[in-house]
Amino acid sequence: MESSNLTTFRLEQEYTAYLEKVIQEADDALFKSGREYAALLEKVRPFPYKHKTYRLVNIFTSSQRIRCNICGNCPITVVFIIRSEDGQRLKVGNTCIDRLTNQEVSTWYRNYQKKRETIIKYSKKINHLSSLLKACKKCEPPCSIPFRELEKIRTVLDQMCIGIRLNWQQEQIAEQYAGKKERLCFWQEY
């Protein structure tokens, strides 16, 4: 009988440890995404243009009509701000920034933007699934979610938090469990 209790206790400990490992929230994911943006700016080495050395200092998407200060193309929707050592700032478009830096900066930024938009799109589901896992962690005995399902939830949550779009099966899992906290842990709230 004691062996059975010990096995149950170990399983509950493993379950709780597993839940602690997988809980993430949208804010954490967006914070990490912000660090990726800073790393992207740092990744671009200083580069020469018209006998001056420039550095990439900012990137944004504009709804206004902005003209590229290098080639004159207008409008540019993604604006790369570069600054020279003496403080001169120029607004540059995709093609010019790639040509000046001899790197694929516009592609890096486009990929970063897609990831960030995906995280924002899924932020509600990320928070719901995180809340569900937190509630399961507090349950005694553990919630009624089987370990296999927990693994699926973790995979879906991980993907959403790093900005990868879900396939239709993963979307179904997210939808299925997004609002279940109340039903799975109902007895504990009273």
N, C-alpha and C. Protein backbone atom coordinates (compact mmCIF):
# COMPACT_ATOMS: atom_id res chain seq x y z
N MET A 1 0.81 -1.20 0.00
CA MET A 1 0.00 0.00 0.00
C MET A 1 0.86 1.27 0.00
N GLU A 2 1.96 1.24 0.78
CA GLU A 2 2.84 2.42 0.84
C GLU A 2 3.50 2.66 -0.50
N SER A 3 3.85 1.59 -1.21
CA SER A 3 4.48 1.70 -2.52
C SER A 3 3.55 2.43 -3.50
N SER A 4 2.26 2.14 -3.44
CA SER A 4 1.28 2.80 -4.30
C SER A 4 1.20 4.29 -3.98
N ASN A 5 1.18 4.64 -2.69
CA ASN A 5 1.13 6.05 -2.28
C ASN A 5 2.39 6.79 -2.71
N LEU A 6 3.55 6.12 -2.58
CA LEU A 6 4.81 6.73 -2.97
C LEU A 6 4.85 6.98 -4.48
N THR A 7 4.36 6.02 -5.27
CA THR A 7 4.30 6.18 -6.72
C THR A 7 3.37 7.33 -7.09
N THR A 8 2.21 7.41 -6.47
CA THR A 8 1.27 8.50 -6.72
C THR A 8 1.90 9.83 -6.37
N PHE A 9 2.60 9.88 -5.22
CA PHE A 9 3.25 11.11 -4.79
C PHE A 9 4.30 11.56 -5.80
N ARG A 10 5.12 10.59 -6.30
CA ARG A 10 6.14 10.92 -7.30
C ARG A 10 5.50 11.43 -8.58
N LEU A 11 4.43 10.78 -9.02
CA LEU A 11 3.74 11.23 -10.22
C LEU A 11 3.20 12.65 -10.04
N GLU A 12 2.64 12.94 -8.88
CA GLU A 12 2.13 14.28 -8.62
C GLU A 12 3.26 15.30 -8.61
N GLN A 13 4.41 14.93 -8.04
CA GLN A 13 5.57 15.83 -8.03
C GLN A 13 6.06 16.09 -9.46
N GLU A 14 6.15 15.02 -10.28
CA GLU A 14 6.58 15.18 -11.66
C GLU A 14 5.59 16.06 -12.43
N TYR A 15 4.31 15.84 -12.20
CA TYR A 15 3.26 16.61 -12.86
C TYR A 15 3.40 18.10 -12.50
N THR A 16 3.57 18.39 -11.21
CA THR A 16 3.72 19.77 -10.74
C THR A 16 4.99 20.40 -11.31
N ALA A 17 6.11 19.66 -11.29
CA ALA A 17 7.36 20.18 -11.83
C ALA A 17 7.21 20.46 -13.33
N TYR A 18 6.52 19.59 -14.02
CA TYR A 18 6.30 19.77 -15.45
C TYR A 18 5.48 21.03 -15.71
N LEU A 19 4.43 21.22 -14.93
CA LEU A 19 3.58 22.40 -15.09
C LEU A 19 4.38 23.68 -14.84
N GLU A 20 5.23 23.68 -13.83
CA GLU A 20 6.05 24.86 -13.55
C GLU A 20 6.91 25.22 -14.74
N LYS A 21 7.41 24.20 -15.43
CA LYS A 21 8.31 24.40 -16.56
C LYS A 21 7.60 25.02 -17.76
N VAL A 22 6.34 24.68 -17.98
CA VAL A 22 5.68 25.11 -19.21
C VAL A 22 4.85 26.38 -19.10
N ILE A 23 4.63 26.89 -17.92
CA ILE A 23 3.77 28.07 -17.79
C ILE A 23 4.48 29.30 -18.33
N GLN A 24 3.87 29.94 -19.33
CA GLN A 24 4.36 31.19 -19.89
C GLN A 24 3.16 32.07 -20.16
N GLU A 25 3.43 33.36 -20.22
CA GLU A 25 2.34 34.26 -20.53
C GLU A 25 2.71 35.12 -21.72
N ALA A 26 1.71 35.74 -22.32
CA ALA A 26 1.92 36.56 -23.51
C ALA A 26 2.88 37.71 -23.23
N ASP A 27 2.79 38.31 -22.07
CA ASP A 27 3.69 39.43 -21.75
C ASP A 27 5.14 38.99 -21.77
N ASP A 28 5.42 37.81 -21.23
CA ASP A 28 6.78 37.28 -21.27
C ASP A 28 7.22 37.07 -22.71
N ALA A 29 6.32 36.54 -23.52
CA ALA A 29 6.64 36.29 -24.93
C ALA A 29 6.92 37.60 -25.65
N LEU A 30 6.12 38.63 -25.39
CA LEU A 30 6.34 39.92 -26.03
C LEU A 30 7.62 40.57 -25.52
N PHE A 31 7.94 40.38 -24.24
CA PHE A 31 9.19 40.91 -23.70
C PHE A 31 10.38 40.28 -24.41
N LYS A 32 10.33 38.98 -24.59
CA LYS A 32 11.41 38.29 -25.30
C LYS A 32 11.49 38.78 -26.74
N SER A 33 10.34 39.04 -27.33
CA SER A 33 10.30 39.55 -28.70
C SER A 33 10.97 40.93 -28.77
N GLY A 34 10.76 41.75 -27.73
CA GLY A 34 11.40 43.06 -27.67
C GLY A 34 12.92 42.94 -27.60
N ARG A 35 13.40 41.95 -26.87
CA ARG A 35 14.85 41.72 -26.81
C ARG A 35 15.38 41.29 -28.17
N GLU A 36 14.58 40.53 -28.92
CA GLU A 36 14.99 40.14 -30.27
C GLU A 36 15.16 41.37 -31.16
N TYR A 37 14.27 42.35 -30.98
CA TYR A 37 14.34 43.59 -31.76
C TYR A 37 15.65 44.32 -31.46
N ALA A 38 15.98 44.43 -30.18
CA ALA A 38 17.23 45.09 -29.78
C ALA A 38 18.43 44.34 -30.35
N ALA A 39 18.37 43.02 -30.32
CA ALA A 39 19.46 42.21 -30.87
C ALA A 39 19.57 42.41 -32.39
N LEU A 40 18.42 42.57 -33.06
CA LEU A 40 18.43 42.80 -34.49
C LEU A 40 19.17 44.10 -34.81
N LEU A 41 18.90 45.16 -34.04
CA LEU A 41 19.58 46.44 -34.26
C LEU A 41 21.08 46.32 -34.02
N GLU A 42 21.45 45.58 -32.98
CA GLU A 42 22.86 45.39 -32.67
C GLU A 42 23.58 44.54 -33.71
N LYS A 43 22.85 43.65 -34.34
CA LYS A 43 23.41 42.73 -35.31
C LYS A 43 23.94 43.45 -36.56
N VAL A 44 23.34 44.60 -36.85
CA VAL A 44 23.72 45.35 -38.04
C VAL A 44 24.97 46.17 -37.71
N ARG A 45 26.04 45.82 -38.37
CA ARG A 45 27.32 46.50 -38.14
C ARG A 45 27.28 47.91 -38.73
N PRO A 46 28.08 48.82 -38.18
CA PRO A 46 28.19 50.16 -38.79
C PRO A 46 28.63 50.02 -40.26
N PHE A 47 28.16 50.95 -41.09
CA PHE A 47 28.43 50.87 -42.53
C PHE A 47 28.68 52.27 -43.10
N PRO A 48 29.46 52.34 -44.19
CA PRO A 48 29.76 53.65 -44.78
C PRO A 48 28.70 54.09 -45.79
N TYR A 49 28.50 55.40 -45.82
CA TYR A 49 27.65 56.00 -46.85
C TYR A 49 28.09 57.46 -46.99
N LYS A 50 28.45 57.86 -48.19
CA LYS A 50 28.89 59.23 -48.49
C LYS A 50 29.95 59.72 -47.50
N HIS A 51 31.00 58.98 -47.36
CA HIS A 51 32.17 59.34 -46.54
C HIS A 51 31.87 59.49 -45.05
N LYS A 52 30.78 58.89 -44.59
CA LYS A 52 30.43 58.89 -43.17
C LYS A 52 30.11 57.46 -42.76
N THR A 53 30.21 57.20 -41.47
CA THR A 53 29.83 55.89 -40.95
C THR A 53 28.46 56.02 -40.30
N TYR A 54 27.56 55.14 -40.68
CA TYR A 54 26.19 55.14 -40.17
C TYR A 54 25.92 53.87 -39.37
N ARG A 55 24.91 54.00 -38.53
CA ARG A 55 24.41 52.87 -37.73
C ARG A 55 22.90 52.84 -37.81
N LEU A 56 22.32 51.63 -37.83
CA LEU A 56 20.87 51.48 -37.78
C LEU A 56 20.42 51.74 -36.34
N VAL A 57 19.49 52.68 -36.15
CA VAL A 57 19.06 53.02 -34.80
C VAL A 57 17.59 52.71 -34.51
N ASN A 58 16.78 52.57 -35.57
CA ASN A 58 15.36 52.28 -35.34
C ASN A 58 14.72 51.76 -36.63
N ILE A 59 13.63 51.05 -36.44
CA ILE A 59 12.84 50.54 -37.57
C ILE A 59 11.38 50.66 -37.17
N PHE A 60 10.55 51.13 -38.08
CA PHE A 60 9.12 51.17 -37.80
C PHE A 60 8.32 51.09 -39.09
N THR A 61 7.05 50.76 -38.92
CA THR A 61 6.12 50.73 -40.05
C THR A 61 5.33 52.02 -40.01
N SER A 62 5.27 52.70 -41.15
CA SER A 62 4.62 54.00 -41.19
C SER A 62 3.37 53.95 -42.06
N SER A 63 2.35 54.69 -41.63
CA SER A 63 1.15 54.82 -42.45
C SER A 63 1.21 56.12 -43.25
N GLN A 64 2.19 56.96 -42.95
CA GLN A 64 2.36 58.23 -43.67
C GLN A 64 3.19 58.01 -44.93
N ARG A 65 3.13 58.97 -45.81
CA ARG A 65 3.93 58.91 -47.04
C ARG A 65 5.33 59.42 -46.71
N ILE A 66 6.27 58.51 -46.63
CA ILE A 66 7.66 58.87 -46.32
C ILE A 66 8.52 58.50 -47.52
N ARG A 67 9.45 59.40 -47.83
CA ARG A 67 10.35 59.21 -48.96
C ARG A 67 11.71 58.72 -48.46
N CYS A 68 12.30 57.76 -49.17
CA CYS A 68 13.64 57.27 -48.85
C CYS A 68 14.65 58.38 -49.11
N ASN A 69 15.48 58.71 -48.13
CA ASN A 69 16.47 59.77 -48.28
C ASN A 69 17.65 59.36 -49.16
N ILE A 70 17.71 58.12 -49.56
CA ILE A 70 18.83 57.67 -50.38
C ILE A 70 18.43 57.61 -51.86
N CYS A 71 17.36 56.87 -52.17
CA CYS A 71 16.97 56.67 -53.58
C CYS A 71 15.78 57.53 -54.00
N GLY A 72 15.05 58.11 -53.05
CA GLY A 72 13.91 58.94 -53.37
C GLY A 72 12.61 58.18 -53.54
N ASN A 73 12.62 56.87 -53.38
CA ASN A 73 11.41 56.06 -53.52
C ASN A 73 10.35 56.53 -52.52
N CYS A 74 9.12 56.63 -52.98
CA CYS A 74 8.03 57.07 -52.11
C CYS A 74 6.75 56.36 -52.54
N PRO A 75 5.95 55.86 -51.66
CA PRO A 75 6.14 55.83 -50.21
C PRO A 75 6.91 54.57 -49.78
N ILE A 76 7.60 54.68 -48.67
CA ILE A 76 8.19 53.50 -48.06
C ILE A 76 7.36 53.21 -46.81
N THR A 77 6.96 51.96 -46.67
CA THR A 77 6.10 51.63 -45.52
C THR A 77 6.93 51.19 -44.32
N VAL A 78 8.00 50.44 -44.57
CA VAL A 78 8.90 50.09 -43.48
C VAL A 78 10.07 51.06 -43.54
N VAL A 79 10.25 51.81 -42.45
CA VAL A 79 11.24 52.88 -42.43
C VAL A 79 12.39 52.47 -41.51
N PHE A 80 13.59 52.50 -42.06
CA PHE A 80 14.81 52.20 -41.31
C PHE A 80 15.50 53.53 -41.04
N ILE A 81 15.68 53.86 -39.78
CA ILE A 81 16.36 55.10 -39.41
C ILE A 81 17.83 54.80 -39.19
N ILE A 82 18.68 55.51 -39.94
CA ILE A 82 20.11 55.35 -39.75
C ILE A 82 20.67 56.69 -39.27
N ARG A 83 21.73 56.62 -38.47
CA ARG A 83 22.33 57.85 -37.92
C ARG A 83 23.84 57.80 -38.12
N SER A 84 24.38 58.94 -38.55
CA SER A 84 25.83 59.02 -38.74
C SER A 84 26.50 59.36 -37.42
N GLU A 85 27.83 59.29 -37.42
CA GLU A 85 28.59 59.61 -36.21
C GLU A 85 28.36 61.04 -35.75
N ASP A 86 28.09 61.96 -36.71
CA ASP A 86 27.86 63.36 -36.34
C ASP A 86 26.38 63.67 -36.06
N GLY A 87 25.54 62.63 -36.03
CA GLY A 87 24.14 62.80 -35.63
C GLY A 87 23.15 62.96 -36.76
N GLN A 88 23.60 63.00 -38.01
CA GLN A 88 22.68 63.13 -39.14
C GLN A 88 21.83 61.88 -39.25
N ARG A 89 20.50 62.07 -39.36
CA ARG A 89 19.57 60.95 -39.47
C ARG A 89 18.98 60.90 -40.87
N LEU A 90 18.86 59.67 -41.37
CA LEU A 90 18.24 59.45 -42.67
C LEU A 90 17.17 58.37 -42.54
N LYS A 91 16.10 58.54 -43.32
CA LYS A 91 15.04 57.54 -43.39
C LYS A 91 15.27 56.75 -44.67
N VAL A 92 15.34 55.42 -44.52
CA VAL A 92 15.75 54.57 -45.62
C VAL A 92 14.73 53.44 -45.80
N GLY A 93 14.53 53.01 -47.04
CA GLY A 93 13.61 51.91 -47.34
C GLY A 93 14.31 50.56 -47.36
N ASN A 94 13.52 49.50 -47.62
CA ASN A 94 14.00 48.11 -47.61
C ASN A 94 15.21 47.88 -48.51
N THR A 95 15.08 48.23 -49.77
CA THR A 95 16.13 47.94 -50.74
C THR A 95 17.43 48.66 -50.37
N CYS A 96 17.32 49.92 -49.99
CA CYS A 96 18.51 50.71 -49.67
C CYS A 96 19.21 50.21 -48.41
N ILE A 97 18.46 49.82 -47.38
CA ILE A 97 19.11 49.35 -46.15
C ILE A 97 19.85 48.04 -46.41
N ASP A 98 19.26 47.18 -47.22
CA ASP A 98 19.93 45.92 -47.56
C ASP A 98 21.20 46.17 -48.36
N ARG A 99 21.12 47.10 -49.29
CA ARG A 99 22.27 47.43 -50.13
C ARG A 99 23.37 48.11 -49.31
N LEU A 100 23.01 49.06 -48.46
CA LEU A 100 23.99 49.79 -47.65
C LEU A 100 24.72 48.88 -46.65
N THR A 101 23.96 48.02 -45.99
CA THR A 101 24.54 47.18 -44.94
C THR A 101 25.14 45.89 -45.48
N ASN A 102 24.80 45.56 -46.73
CA ASN A 102 25.23 44.31 -47.33
C ASN A 102 24.74 43.12 -46.49
N GLN A 103 23.56 43.27 -45.90
CA GLN A 103 22.91 42.24 -45.11
C GLN A 103 21.43 42.25 -45.45
N GLU A 104 20.72 41.20 -45.05
CA GLU A 104 19.28 41.12 -45.33
C GLU A 104 18.47 41.67 -44.16
N VAL A 105 18.69 42.91 -43.82
CA VAL A 105 18.05 43.54 -42.67
C VAL A 105 16.53 43.59 -42.84
N SER A 106 16.07 43.89 -44.05
CA SER A 106 14.62 43.98 -44.28
C SER A 106 13.95 42.63 -44.08
N THR A 107 14.60 41.56 -44.47
CA THR A 107 14.05 40.21 -44.27
C THR A 107 14.03 39.87 -42.79
N TRP A 108 15.09 40.19 -42.06
CA TRP A 108 15.12 39.95 -40.61
C TRP A 108 13.97 40.68 -39.94
N TYR A 109 13.78 41.94 -40.31
CA TYR A 109 12.72 42.73 -39.69
C TYR A 109 11.34 42.18 -40.03
N ARG A 110 11.15 41.80 -41.30
CA ARG A 110 9.85 41.24 -41.72
C ARG A 110 9.54 39.98 -40.91
N ASN A 111 10.54 39.11 -40.72
CA ASN A 111 10.35 37.88 -39.93
C ASN A 111 10.04 38.22 -38.47
N TYR A 112 10.74 39.20 -37.93
CA TYR A 112 10.49 39.65 -36.55
C TYR A 112 9.05 40.16 -36.42
N GLN A 113 8.62 40.97 -37.38
CA GLN A 113 7.26 41.52 -37.34
C GLN A 113 6.20 40.42 -37.39
N LYS A 114 6.41 39.41 -38.25
CA LYS A 114 5.46 38.30 -38.35
C LYS A 114 5.36 37.57 -37.02
N LYS A 115 6.50 37.30 -36.40
CA LYS A 115 6.50 36.61 -35.11
C LYS A 115 5.75 37.43 -34.06
N ARG A 116 6.03 38.71 -34.01
CA ARG A 116 5.39 39.59 -33.03
C ARG A 116 3.88 39.66 -33.25
N GLU A 117 3.47 39.79 -34.50
CA GLU A 117 2.03 39.83 -34.81
C GLU A 117 1.35 38.53 -34.41
N THR A 118 2.04 37.41 -34.61
CA THR A 118 1.48 36.11 -34.23
C THR A 118 1.32 36.02 -32.72
N ILE A 119 2.31 36.48 -31.98
CA ILE A 119 2.22 36.47 -30.51
C ILE A 119 1.05 37.34 -30.05
N ILE A 120 0.92 38.50 -30.65
CA ILE A 120 -0.19 39.40 -30.28
C ILE A 120 -1.53 38.75 -30.63
N LYS A 121 -1.61 38.13 -31.81
CA LYS A 121 -2.84 37.45 -32.24
C LYS A 121 -3.25 36.38 -31.23
N TYR A 122 -2.28 35.62 -30.74
CA TYR A 122 -2.55 34.52 -29.83
C TYR A 122 -2.48 34.91 -28.35
N SER A 123 -2.28 36.16 -28.03
CA SER A 123 -2.05 36.55 -26.64
C SER A 123 -3.17 36.10 -25.68
N LYS A 124 -4.40 36.19 -26.13
CA LYS A 124 -5.51 35.76 -25.27
C LYS A 124 -5.43 34.26 -25.00
N LYS A 125 -5.17 33.49 -26.04
CA LYS A 125 -5.06 32.04 -25.88
C LYS A 125 -3.85 31.68 -25.01
N ILE A 126 -2.75 32.39 -25.19
CA ILE A 126 -1.56 32.14 -24.38
C ILE A 126 -1.90 32.36 -22.91
N ASN A 127 -2.58 33.45 -22.62
CA ASN A 127 -2.94 33.74 -21.23
C ASN A 127 -3.94 32.73 -20.68
N HIS A 128 -4.91 32.33 -21.50
CA HIS A 128 -5.89 31.33 -21.05
C HIS A 128 -5.22 29.99 -20.75
N LEU A 129 -4.38 29.52 -21.67
CA LEU A 129 -3.72 28.24 -21.45
C LEU A 129 -2.75 28.30 -20.27
N SER A 130 -2.06 29.44 -20.11
CA SER A 130 -1.18 29.61 -18.95
C SER A 130 -1.98 29.56 -17.66
N SER A 131 -3.13 30.24 -17.65
CA SER A 131 -4.00 30.22 -16.46
C SER A 131 -4.49 28.81 -16.16
N LEU A 132 -4.85 28.09 -17.22
CA LEU A 132 -5.30 26.71 -17.04
C LEU A 132 -4.19 25.88 -16.39
N LEU A 133 -2.98 25.99 -16.89
CA LEU A 133 -1.88 25.22 -16.34
C LEU A 133 -1.56 25.63 -14.90
N LYS A 134 -1.67 26.93 -14.61
CA LYS A 134 -1.45 27.39 -13.24
C LYS A 134 -2.52 26.81 -12.30
N ALA A 135 -3.76 26.80 -12.77
CA ALA A 135 -4.84 26.24 -11.96
C ALA A 135 -4.63 24.74 -11.74
N CYS A 136 -4.18 24.05 -12.78
CA CYS A 136 -3.91 22.61 -12.65
C CYS A 136 -2.79 22.37 -11.65
N LYS A 137 -1.84 23.25 -11.64
CA LYS A 137 -0.70 23.10 -10.72
C LYS A 137 -1.15 23.18 -9.26
N LYS A 138 -2.17 24.00 -9.00
CA LYS A 138 -2.66 24.19 -7.63
C LYS A 138 -3.60 23.08 -7.17
N CYS A 139 -4.14 22.34 -8.12
CA CYS A 139 -5.11 21.30 -7.78
C CYS A 139 -4.48 20.17 -6.96
N GLU A 140 -5.22 19.69 -6.00
CA GLU A 140 -4.85 18.52 -5.21
C GLU A 140 -6.04 17.58 -5.24
N PRO A 141 -6.02 16.42 -5.77
CA PRO A 141 -4.99 15.85 -6.64
C PRO A 141 -4.96 16.61 -7.97
N PRO A 142 -3.95 16.32 -8.82
CA PRO A 142 -3.84 17.05 -10.09
C PRO A 142 -5.13 17.00 -10.90
N CYS A 143 -5.31 17.99 -11.74
CA CYS A 143 -6.51 18.11 -12.58
C CYS A 143 -6.74 16.89 -13.44
N SER A 144 -7.86 16.93 -14.08
CA SER A 144 -8.27 15.78 -14.89
C SER A 144 -7.66 15.79 -16.29
N ILE A 145 -6.71 16.65 -16.56
CA ILE A 145 -6.07 16.65 -17.88
C ILE A 145 -5.04 15.54 -17.92
N PRO A 146 -5.17 14.59 -18.84
CA PRO A 146 -4.16 13.52 -18.95
C PRO A 146 -2.81 14.11 -19.37
N PHE A 147 -1.76 13.43 -18.97
CA PHE A 147 -0.41 13.89 -19.25
C PHE A 147 -0.18 14.06 -20.76
N ARG A 148 -0.73 13.17 -21.60
CA ARG A 148 -0.60 13.29 -23.07
C ARG A 148 -1.19 14.61 -23.56
N GLU A 149 -2.35 14.95 -23.02
CA GLU A 149 -2.99 16.21 -23.41
C GLU A 149 -2.18 17.40 -22.92
N LEU A 150 -1.63 17.27 -21.75
CA LEU A 150 -0.78 18.32 -21.19
C LEU A 150 0.41 18.58 -22.11
N GLU A 151 0.97 17.53 -22.64
CA GLU A 151 2.10 17.66 -23.59
C GLU A 151 1.66 18.40 -24.85
N LYS A 152 0.45 18.10 -25.34
CA LYS A 152 -0.07 18.81 -26.52
C LYS A 152 -0.27 20.29 -26.21
N ILE A 153 -0.82 20.57 -25.04
CA ILE A 153 -1.03 21.97 -24.63
C ILE A 153 0.31 22.69 -24.54
N ARG A 154 1.31 22.02 -23.97
CA ARG A 154 2.63 22.63 -23.83
C ARG A 154 3.21 22.96 -25.21
N THR A 155 3.09 22.03 -26.15
CA THR A 155 3.60 22.26 -27.51
C THR A 155 2.92 23.46 -28.15
N VAL A 156 1.60 23.52 -28.03
CA VAL A 156 0.83 24.63 -28.60
C VAL A 156 1.24 25.94 -27.93
N LEU A 157 1.35 25.93 -26.62
CA LEU A 157 1.73 27.14 -25.88
C LEU A 157 3.13 27.59 -26.26
N ASP A 158 4.07 26.66 -26.35
CA ASP A 158 5.43 27.00 -26.76
C ASP A 158 5.45 27.65 -28.14
N GLN A 159 4.73 27.07 -29.08
CA GLN A 159 4.69 27.61 -30.44
C GLN A 159 4.11 29.01 -30.47
N MET A 160 3.01 29.23 -29.75
CA MET A 160 2.40 30.55 -29.74
C MET A 160 3.35 31.57 -29.12
N CYS A 161 4.07 31.17 -28.08
CA CYS A 161 4.95 32.10 -27.37
C CYS A 161 6.19 32.49 -28.17
N ILE A 162 6.57 31.69 -29.14
CA ILE A 162 7.71 32.08 -29.97
C ILE A 162 7.27 32.60 -31.34
N GLY A 163 5.97 32.75 -31.51
CA GLY A 163 5.45 33.40 -32.71
C GLY A 163 5.29 32.51 -33.92
N ILE A 164 5.12 31.20 -33.70
CA ILE A 164 4.89 30.29 -34.81
C ILE A 164 3.39 30.07 -34.95
N ARG A 165 2.89 30.20 -36.17
CA ARG A 165 1.46 29.98 -36.41
C ARG A 165 1.09 28.52 -36.15
N LEU A 166 -0.12 28.32 -35.64
CA LEU A 166 -0.60 26.97 -35.33
C LEU A 166 -1.25 26.35 -36.56
N ASN A 167 -1.12 25.03 -36.66
CA ASN A 167 -1.88 24.34 -37.70
C ASN A 167 -3.31 24.13 -37.18
N TRP A 168 -4.18 23.58 -38.02
CA TRP A 168 -5.60 23.49 -37.61
C TRP A 168 -5.80 22.58 -36.41
N GLN A 169 -5.00 21.52 -36.26
CA GLN A 169 -5.14 20.63 -35.10
C GLN A 169 -4.73 21.35 -33.82
N GLN A 170 -3.65 22.11 -33.90
CA GLN A 170 -3.20 22.86 -32.74
C GLN A 170 -4.18 23.96 -32.38
N GLU A 171 -4.78 24.58 -33.40
CA GLU A 171 -5.83 25.59 -33.15
C GLU A 171 -6.98 24.96 -32.37
N GLN A 172 -7.36 23.74 -32.75
CA GLN A 172 -8.46 23.04 -32.07
C GLN A 172 -8.09 22.77 -30.60
N ILE A 173 -6.86 22.36 -30.36
CA ILE A 173 -6.42 22.11 -28.98
C ILE A 173 -6.48 23.40 -28.17
N ALA A 174 -5.98 24.49 -28.76
CA ALA A 174 -6.01 25.79 -28.06
C ALA A 174 -7.44 26.20 -27.75
N GLU A 175 -8.33 26.05 -28.73
CA GLU A 175 -9.74 26.39 -28.53
C GLU A 175 -10.39 25.50 -27.48
N GLN A 176 -10.08 24.21 -27.55
CA GLN A 176 -10.68 23.23 -26.65
C GLN A 176 -10.33 23.52 -25.19
N TYR A 177 -9.08 23.89 -24.93
CA TYR A 177 -8.66 24.07 -23.54
C TYR A 177 -8.63 25.52 -23.08
N ALA A 178 -8.79 26.46 -23.98
CA ALA A 178 -8.66 27.88 -23.61
C ALA A 178 -9.63 28.31 -22.51
N GLY A 179 -10.85 27.80 -22.49
CA GLY A 179 -11.81 28.23 -21.48
C GLY A 179 -12.13 27.18 -20.44
N LYS A 180 -11.28 26.18 -20.28
CA LYS A 180 -11.63 25.05 -19.42
C LYS A 180 -11.22 25.19 -17.97
N LYS A 181 -10.53 26.22 -17.60
CA LYS A 181 -10.05 26.34 -16.22
C LYS A 181 -11.19 26.14 -15.21
N GLU A 182 -12.30 26.80 -15.49
CA GLU A 182 -13.42 26.74 -14.56
C GLU A 182 -13.97 25.32 -14.42
N ARG A 183 -14.05 24.60 -15.54
CA ARG A 183 -14.64 23.27 -15.51
C ARG A 183 -13.70 22.23 -14.90
N LEU A 184 -12.40 22.35 -15.16
CA LEU A 184 -11.46 21.34 -14.66
C LEU A 184 -11.15 21.53 -13.18
N CYS A 185 -11.17 22.77 -12.73
CA CYS A 185 -10.80 23.04 -11.34
C CYS A 185 -11.98 23.64 -10.57
N PHE A 186 -13.18 23.36 -11.03
CA PHE A 186 -14.39 23.96 -10.48
C PHE A 186 -14.51 23.81 -8.98
N TRP A 187 -14.27 22.62 -8.47
CA TRP A 187 -14.47 22.33 -7.07
C TRP A 187 -13.52 23.12 -6.19
N GLN A 188 -12.38 23.52 -6.72
CA GLN A 188 -11.39 24.18 -5.88
C GLN A 188 -11.70 25.66 -5.64
N GLU A 189 -12.52 26.26 -6.47
CA GLU A 189 -12.79 27.68 -6.35
C GLU A 189 -13.82 27.97 -5.26
N TYR A 190 -14.44 26.97 -4.69
CA TYR A 190 -15.46 27.21 -3.67
C TYR A 190 -15.00 26.75 -2.31
